[in-house]
Amino acid sequence: MTDTIALPGLDIPGQNPVIRGGFGQGPTESETRAAIEEIEADAGELRGAKRTIKQLAISLAISVDKGNTKGRAVAQEAGQLFEMMRHLAPPEDPAGPGDESNLTPETKRLLDALAAPAQLDAAPEGDAEGL
């Protein structure tokens, strides 16, 4: 007997490693694991709550892949996975926090007025002077 099970030309290429139970990782899980490895390479080993977030992200990725194979709607799980990944690696704002180049002059004036300290008006003169 030979080691190959499939007929020549009909074998299924294995792009994902085999894990527990003989099932391979789905594409979402593979990419999530790769992204987490990149985050850990840049920031070092995840500590504290980020370790839990890491595991939740992997679990959500597995759930998304299983839902996809069963034809289920996975938008909610995908959205949760996206938020988990944002907690592990917050996006960088390329413009920086003080960039106002995309604001119109009217919007800039409004934001300046809202940021200014409150100014109290003088009390109006009226009937209460003798009290």
N, C-alpha and C. Protein backbone atom coordinates (compact mmCIF):
# COMPACT_ATOMS: atom_id res chain seq x y z
N MET A 1 0.82 -1.19 0.00
CA MET A 1 0.00 0.00 0.00
C MET A 1 0.86 1.24 0.00
N THR A 2 0.33 2.29 -0.56
CA THR A 2 1.07 3.55 -0.60
C THR A 2 0.60 4.46 0.52
N ASP A 3 1.38 5.53 0.73
CA ASP A 3 1.03 6.49 1.78
C ASP A 3 -0.05 7.47 1.34
N THR A 4 -0.27 7.62 0.04
CA THR A 4 -1.27 8.57 -0.44
C THR A 4 -2.63 7.90 -0.48
N ILE A 5 -3.63 8.67 -0.10
CA ILE A 5 -5.00 8.15 -0.08
C ILE A 5 -5.76 8.59 -1.32
N ALA A 6 -5.53 9.80 -1.78
CA ALA A 6 -6.28 10.34 -2.91
C ALA A 6 -5.70 9.82 -4.23
N LEU A 7 -6.52 9.83 -5.24
CA LEU A 7 -6.08 9.47 -6.57
C LEU A 7 -5.18 10.57 -7.11
N PRO A 8 -4.24 10.24 -7.94
CA PRO A 8 -3.36 11.28 -8.49
C PRO A 8 -4.17 12.35 -9.21
N GLY A 9 -3.88 13.62 -8.86
CA GLY A 9 -4.59 14.73 -9.49
C GLY A 9 -5.85 15.15 -8.76
N LEU A 10 -6.34 14.32 -7.85
CA LEU A 10 -7.55 14.63 -7.11
C LEU A 10 -7.29 14.91 -5.63
N ASP A 11 -6.03 15.06 -5.26
CA ASP A 11 -5.73 15.31 -3.86
C ASP A 11 -6.09 16.75 -3.49
N ILE A 12 -6.41 16.95 -2.23
CA ILE A 12 -6.77 18.27 -1.72
C ILE A 12 -5.51 18.90 -1.16
N PRO A 13 -5.10 20.04 -1.73
CA PRO A 13 -3.88 20.67 -1.22
C PRO A 13 -4.08 21.16 0.21
N GLY A 14 -3.13 20.88 1.06
CA GLY A 14 -3.24 21.28 2.46
C GLY A 14 -2.50 22.57 2.72
N GLN A 15 -3.20 23.69 2.72
CA GLN A 15 -2.54 24.96 2.98
C GLN A 15 -2.49 25.27 4.47
N ASN A 16 -3.33 24.63 5.24
CA ASN A 16 -3.39 24.90 6.67
C ASN A 16 -2.93 23.68 7.45
N PRO A 17 -2.23 23.91 8.55
CA PRO A 17 -1.78 22.77 9.35
C PRO A 17 -2.96 22.08 10.02
N VAL A 18 -2.80 20.80 10.26
CA VAL A 18 -3.84 20.02 10.93
C VAL A 18 -3.72 20.27 12.43
N ILE A 19 -4.86 20.54 13.08
CA ILE A 19 -4.87 20.75 14.51
C ILE A 19 -5.85 19.79 15.15
N ARG A 20 -6.16 19.98 16.42
CA ARG A 20 -6.96 19.05 17.20
C ARG A 20 -8.15 18.47 16.43
N GLY A 21 -8.31 17.17 16.60
CA GLY A 21 -9.44 16.49 15.97
C GLY A 21 -9.25 16.25 14.48
N GLY A 22 -8.11 16.59 13.94
CA GLY A 22 -7.87 16.38 12.52
C GLY A 22 -8.45 17.46 11.63
N PHE A 23 -8.97 18.53 12.20
CA PHE A 23 -9.54 19.59 11.39
C PHE A 23 -8.51 20.70 11.22
N GLY A 24 -8.47 21.31 10.06
CA GLY A 24 -7.54 22.39 9.80
C GLY A 24 -8.10 23.73 10.20
N GLN A 25 -7.23 24.69 10.28
CA GLN A 25 -7.66 26.05 10.59
C GLN A 25 -8.34 26.65 9.37
N GLY A 26 -9.37 27.44 9.63
CA GLY A 26 -10.03 28.15 8.56
C GLY A 26 -9.24 29.41 8.21
N PRO A 27 -9.62 30.08 7.14
CA PRO A 27 -8.86 31.27 6.72
C PRO A 27 -8.90 32.41 7.74
N THR A 28 -10.03 32.61 8.41
CA THR A 28 -10.12 33.68 9.40
C THR A 28 -9.23 33.38 10.59
N GLU A 29 -9.23 32.13 11.05
CA GLU A 29 -8.39 31.76 12.17
C GLU A 29 -6.91 31.88 11.80
N SER A 30 -6.54 31.44 10.62
CA SER A 30 -5.14 31.53 10.19
C SER A 30 -4.67 32.97 10.15
N GLU A 31 -5.49 33.83 9.57
CA GLU A 31 -5.10 35.25 9.48
C GLU A 31 -5.09 35.92 10.85
N THR A 32 -6.01 35.54 11.72
CA THR A 32 -6.03 36.10 13.07
C THR A 32 -4.79 35.69 13.83
N ARG A 33 -4.42 34.43 13.73
CA ARG A 33 -3.20 33.96 14.41
C ARG A 33 -1.97 34.66 13.86
N ALA A 34 -1.92 34.85 12.54
CA ALA A 34 -0.78 35.54 11.93
C ALA A 34 -0.72 37.00 12.39
N ALA A 35 -1.88 37.65 12.47
CA ALA A 35 -1.92 39.05 12.91
C ALA A 35 -1.48 39.16 14.37
N ILE A 36 -1.91 38.23 15.20
CA ILE A 36 -1.52 38.25 16.61
C ILE A 36 -0.01 38.03 16.74
N GLU A 37 0.55 37.13 15.92
CA GLU A 37 2.00 36.92 15.94
C GLU A 37 2.74 38.20 15.57
N GLU A 38 2.24 38.95 14.58
CA GLU A 38 2.85 40.22 14.19
C GLU A 38 2.75 41.24 15.33
N ILE A 39 1.60 41.28 15.99
CA ILE A 39 1.42 42.21 17.11
C ILE A 39 2.40 41.87 18.23
N GLU A 40 2.55 40.57 18.52
CA GLU A 40 3.48 40.15 19.57
C GLU A 40 4.92 40.42 19.17
N ALA A 41 5.24 40.31 17.89
CA ALA A 41 6.60 40.60 17.44
C ALA A 41 6.92 42.08 17.62
N ASP A 42 5.95 42.95 17.38
CA ASP A 42 6.17 44.39 17.52
C ASP A 42 6.13 44.85 18.97
N ALA A 43 5.15 44.38 19.73
CA ALA A 43 4.92 44.89 21.08
C ALA A 43 5.47 43.98 22.17
N GLY A 44 5.96 42.82 21.81
CA GLY A 44 6.40 41.87 22.82
C GLY A 44 5.24 40.98 23.24
N GLU A 45 5.52 40.10 24.17
CA GLU A 45 4.50 39.16 24.61
C GLU A 45 3.34 39.90 25.25
N LEU A 46 2.12 39.49 24.90
CA LEU A 46 0.93 40.13 25.46
C LEU A 46 0.79 39.75 26.92
N ARG A 47 0.43 40.72 27.75
CA ARG A 47 0.32 40.49 29.19
C ARG A 47 -1.05 40.94 29.68
N GLY A 48 -1.44 40.40 30.81
CA GLY A 48 -2.66 40.82 31.48
C GLY A 48 -3.90 40.54 30.65
N ALA A 49 -4.74 41.55 30.57
CA ALA A 49 -6.03 41.41 29.88
C ALA A 49 -5.85 41.14 28.39
N LYS A 50 -4.73 41.60 27.83
CA LYS A 50 -4.52 41.37 26.40
C LYS A 50 -4.34 39.90 26.07
N ARG A 51 -3.87 39.10 27.03
CA ARG A 51 -3.79 37.65 26.80
C ARG A 51 -5.18 37.07 26.64
N THR A 52 -6.11 37.54 27.46
CA THR A 52 -7.50 37.07 27.36
C THR A 52 -8.12 37.53 26.06
N ILE A 53 -7.86 38.77 25.68
CA ILE A 53 -8.38 39.30 24.42
C ILE A 53 -7.83 38.48 23.26
N LYS A 54 -6.56 38.10 23.35
CA LYS A 54 -5.94 37.27 22.31
C LYS A 54 -6.71 35.96 22.16
N GLN A 55 -7.00 35.30 23.27
CA GLN A 55 -7.71 34.03 23.22
C GLN A 55 -9.14 34.21 22.72
N LEU A 56 -9.79 35.29 23.14
CA LEU A 56 -11.15 35.57 22.65
C LEU A 56 -11.15 35.80 21.15
N ALA A 57 -10.13 36.51 20.65
CA ALA A 57 -10.05 36.77 19.22
C ALA A 57 -9.89 35.46 18.45
N ILE A 58 -9.05 34.57 18.95
CA ILE A 58 -8.87 33.27 18.28
C ILE A 58 -10.16 32.47 18.31
N SER A 59 -10.85 32.47 19.45
CA SER A 59 -12.13 31.75 19.56
C SER A 59 -13.18 32.33 18.62
N LEU A 60 -13.22 33.65 18.52
CA LEU A 60 -14.17 34.28 17.59
C LEU A 60 -13.83 33.94 16.15
N ALA A 61 -12.54 33.90 15.82
CA ALA A 61 -12.14 33.54 14.46
C ALA A 61 -12.57 32.12 14.12
N ILE A 62 -12.42 31.20 15.07
CA ILE A 62 -12.87 29.83 14.86
C ILE A 62 -14.38 29.80 14.65
N SER A 63 -15.10 30.59 15.45
CA SER A 63 -16.56 30.66 15.33
C SER A 63 -16.98 31.21 13.97
N VAL A 64 -16.27 32.21 13.50
CA VAL A 64 -16.58 32.80 12.18
C VAL A 64 -16.37 31.75 11.09
N ASP A 65 -15.25 31.03 11.16
CA ASP A 65 -14.98 30.01 10.14
C ASP A 65 -16.02 28.90 10.17
N LYS A 66 -16.39 28.45 11.36
CA LYS A 66 -17.41 27.39 11.46
C LYS A 66 -18.76 27.89 10.96
N GLY A 67 -19.09 29.13 11.30
CA GLY A 67 -20.35 29.70 10.81
C GLY A 67 -20.37 29.82 9.30
N ASN A 68 -19.24 30.20 8.71
CA ASN A 68 -19.16 30.30 7.26
C ASN A 68 -19.35 28.95 6.58
N THR A 69 -18.75 27.91 7.16
CA THR A 69 -18.88 26.59 6.54
C THR A 69 -20.30 26.06 6.64
N LYS A 70 -21.05 26.50 7.66
CA LYS A 70 -22.43 26.06 7.82
C LYS A 70 -23.42 26.99 7.12
N GLY A 71 -22.92 28.06 6.51
CA GLY A 71 -23.79 28.98 5.80
C GLY A 71 -24.54 29.94 6.70
N ARG A 72 -24.03 30.18 7.88
CA ARG A 72 -24.69 31.08 8.82
C ARG A 72 -24.21 32.51 8.62
N ALA A 73 -25.01 33.43 9.08
CA ALA A 73 -24.61 34.84 9.07
C ALA A 73 -23.61 35.04 10.20
N VAL A 74 -22.46 35.60 9.89
CA VAL A 74 -21.40 35.74 10.88
C VAL A 74 -21.00 37.21 11.07
N ALA A 75 -21.85 38.12 10.66
CA ALA A 75 -21.50 39.54 10.74
C ALA A 75 -21.26 39.98 12.17
N GLN A 76 -22.06 39.51 13.11
CA GLN A 76 -21.89 39.93 14.50
C GLN A 76 -20.56 39.43 15.06
N GLU A 77 -20.24 38.17 14.82
CA GLU A 77 -18.98 37.63 15.30
C GLU A 77 -17.79 38.31 14.62
N ALA A 78 -17.93 38.60 13.32
CA ALA A 78 -16.86 39.29 12.61
C ALA A 78 -16.65 40.69 13.17
N GLY A 79 -17.73 41.38 13.50
CA GLY A 79 -17.62 42.71 14.10
C GLY A 79 -16.96 42.66 15.47
N GLN A 80 -17.30 41.63 16.25
CA GLN A 80 -16.67 41.46 17.57
C GLN A 80 -15.19 41.15 17.42
N LEU A 81 -14.85 40.33 16.43
CA LEU A 81 -13.45 40.01 16.18
C LEU A 81 -12.67 41.26 15.78
N PHE A 82 -13.28 42.08 14.95
CA PHE A 82 -12.65 43.34 14.54
C PHE A 82 -12.35 44.22 15.75
N GLU A 83 -13.31 44.34 16.65
CA GLU A 83 -13.11 45.15 17.86
C GLU A 83 -12.03 44.56 18.77
N MET A 84 -12.01 43.23 18.89
CA MET A 84 -10.96 42.59 19.70
C MET A 84 -9.58 42.90 19.14
N MET A 85 -9.44 42.82 17.83
CA MET A 85 -8.14 43.09 17.22
C MET A 85 -7.76 44.56 17.40
N ARG A 86 -8.74 45.45 17.39
CA ARG A 86 -8.45 46.87 17.63
C ARG A 86 -7.97 47.10 19.07
N HIS A 87 -8.43 46.28 20.00
CA HIS A 87 -7.96 46.39 21.38
C HIS A 87 -6.52 45.90 21.50
N LEU A 88 -6.17 44.88 20.72
CA LEU A 88 -4.81 44.37 20.77
C LEU A 88 -3.83 45.33 20.10
N ALA A 89 -4.24 45.94 19.01
CA ALA A 89 -3.38 46.87 18.27
C ALA A 89 -4.23 48.05 17.80
N PRO A 90 -4.35 49.09 18.64
CA PRO A 90 -5.15 50.24 18.24
C PRO A 90 -4.61 50.88 16.96
N PRO A 91 -5.50 51.34 16.08
CA PRO A 91 -5.04 51.94 14.83
C PRO A 91 -4.34 53.27 15.11
N GLU A 92 -3.37 53.56 14.28
CA GLU A 92 -2.66 54.82 14.40
C GLU A 92 -3.33 55.85 13.50
N ASP A 93 -3.46 57.06 14.02
CA ASP A 93 -4.04 58.14 13.24
C ASP A 93 -2.92 58.78 12.43
N PRO A 94 -2.90 58.60 11.09
CA PRO A 94 -1.79 59.11 10.30
C PRO A 94 -1.70 60.64 10.32
N ALA A 95 -2.82 61.30 10.48
CA ALA A 95 -2.80 62.76 10.47
C ALA A 95 -2.38 63.33 11.82
N GLY A 96 -2.49 62.55 12.86
CA GLY A 96 -2.15 63.04 14.20
C GLY A 96 -3.37 63.63 14.86
N PRO A 97 -3.32 63.82 16.17
CA PRO A 97 -4.50 64.29 16.89
C PRO A 97 -4.86 65.74 16.62
N GLY A 98 -3.91 66.57 16.20
CA GLY A 98 -4.21 67.99 16.04
C GLY A 98 -4.43 68.43 14.60
N ASP A 99 -4.56 67.51 13.68
CA ASP A 99 -4.72 67.88 12.28
C ASP A 99 -6.15 68.32 12.00
N GLU A 100 -6.31 69.55 11.57
CA GLU A 100 -7.64 70.08 11.25
C GLU A 100 -7.75 70.47 9.79
N SER A 101 -6.92 69.88 8.94
CA SER A 101 -6.91 70.27 7.53
C SER A 101 -8.19 69.88 6.81
N ASN A 102 -8.93 68.92 7.32
CA ASN A 102 -10.15 68.48 6.64
C ASN A 102 -11.40 69.22 7.12
N LEU A 103 -11.23 70.15 8.06
CA LEU A 103 -12.39 70.89 8.59
C LEU A 103 -12.65 72.16 7.80
N THR A 104 -13.91 72.48 7.65
CA THR A 104 -14.28 73.73 7.00
C THR A 104 -14.07 74.88 7.98
N PRO A 105 -13.96 76.12 7.50
CA PRO A 105 -13.79 77.26 8.41
C PRO A 105 -14.94 77.38 9.41
N GLU A 106 -16.16 77.09 8.99
CA GLU A 106 -17.30 77.17 9.89
C GLU A 106 -17.17 76.14 11.02
N THR A 107 -16.74 74.94 10.68
CA THR A 107 -16.57 73.90 11.68
C THR A 107 -15.46 74.27 12.66
N LYS A 108 -14.37 74.84 12.14
CA LYS A 108 -13.28 75.28 13.01
C LYS A 108 -13.75 76.33 14.00
N ARG A 109 -14.55 77.30 13.52
CA ARG A 109 -15.07 78.35 14.41
C ARG A 109 -15.98 77.74 15.48
N LEU A 110 -16.82 76.82 15.08
CA LEU A 110 -17.71 76.17 16.03
C LEU A 110 -16.92 75.41 17.10
N LEU A 111 -15.91 74.65 16.69
CA LEU A 111 -15.09 73.90 17.65
C LEU A 111 -14.32 74.84 18.57
N ASP A 112 -13.83 75.96 18.03
CA ASP A 112 -13.14 76.95 18.87
C ASP A 112 -14.08 77.55 19.90
N ALA A 113 -15.31 77.84 19.48
CA ALA A 113 -16.29 78.42 20.40
C ALA A 113 -16.65 77.42 21.50
N LEU A 114 -16.77 76.15 21.15
CA LEU A 114 -17.09 75.13 22.15
C LEU A 114 -15.92 74.88 23.11
N ALA A 115 -14.70 75.09 22.65
CA ALA A 115 -13.53 74.87 23.50
C ALA A 115 -13.22 76.05 24.40
N ALA A 116 -13.77 77.22 24.08
CA ALA A 116 -13.50 78.43 24.87
C ALA A 116 -14.19 78.33 26.23
N PRO A 117 -13.59 78.96 27.26
CA PRO A 117 -14.23 78.94 28.58
C PRO A 117 -15.54 79.72 28.56
N ALA A 118 -16.40 79.37 29.46
CA ALA A 118 -17.70 80.03 29.54
C ALA A 118 -17.52 81.48 29.97
N GLN A 119 -18.32 82.38 29.40
CA GLN A 119 -18.30 83.80 29.77
C GLN A 119 -19.70 84.15 30.28
N LEU A 120 -19.73 84.66 31.49
CA LEU A 120 -21.01 85.01 32.09
C LEU A 120 -21.39 86.43 31.70
N ASP A 121 -22.64 86.63 31.40
CA ASP A 121 -23.16 87.96 31.12
C ASP A 121 -23.39 88.69 32.44
N ALA A 122 -23.31 90.00 32.38
CA ALA A 122 -23.62 90.80 33.57
C ALA A 122 -25.11 90.67 33.88
N ALA A 123 -25.43 90.69 35.17
CA ALA A 123 -26.83 90.57 35.57
C ALA A 123 -27.61 91.78 35.07
N PRO A 124 -28.78 91.60 34.52
CA PRO A 124 -29.56 92.72 34.03
C PRO A 124 -30.12 93.54 35.20
N GLU A 125 -30.22 94.83 34.98
CA GLU A 125 -30.81 95.66 36.00
C GLU A 125 -32.31 95.52 35.89
N GLY A 126 -32.95 95.42 37.05
CA GLY A 126 -34.37 95.20 37.00
C GLY A 126 -35.04 95.61 38.28
N ASP A 127 -36.12 94.99 38.60
CA ASP A 127 -36.95 95.34 39.75
C ASP A 127 -36.34 94.88 41.08
N ALA A 128 -35.35 94.05 41.08
CA ALA A 128 -34.85 93.46 42.31
C ALA A 128 -33.79 94.29 42.98
N GLU A 129 -33.60 95.54 42.62
CA GLU A 129 -32.52 96.36 43.17
C GLU A 129 -32.74 96.65 44.64
N GLY A 130 -33.94 96.81 45.06
CA GLY A 130 -34.20 97.19 46.43
C GLY A 130 -34.26 96.02 47.41
N LEU A 131 -34.13 94.88 46.97
CA LEU A 131 -34.26 93.73 47.87
C LEU A 131 -33.02 93.46 48.64
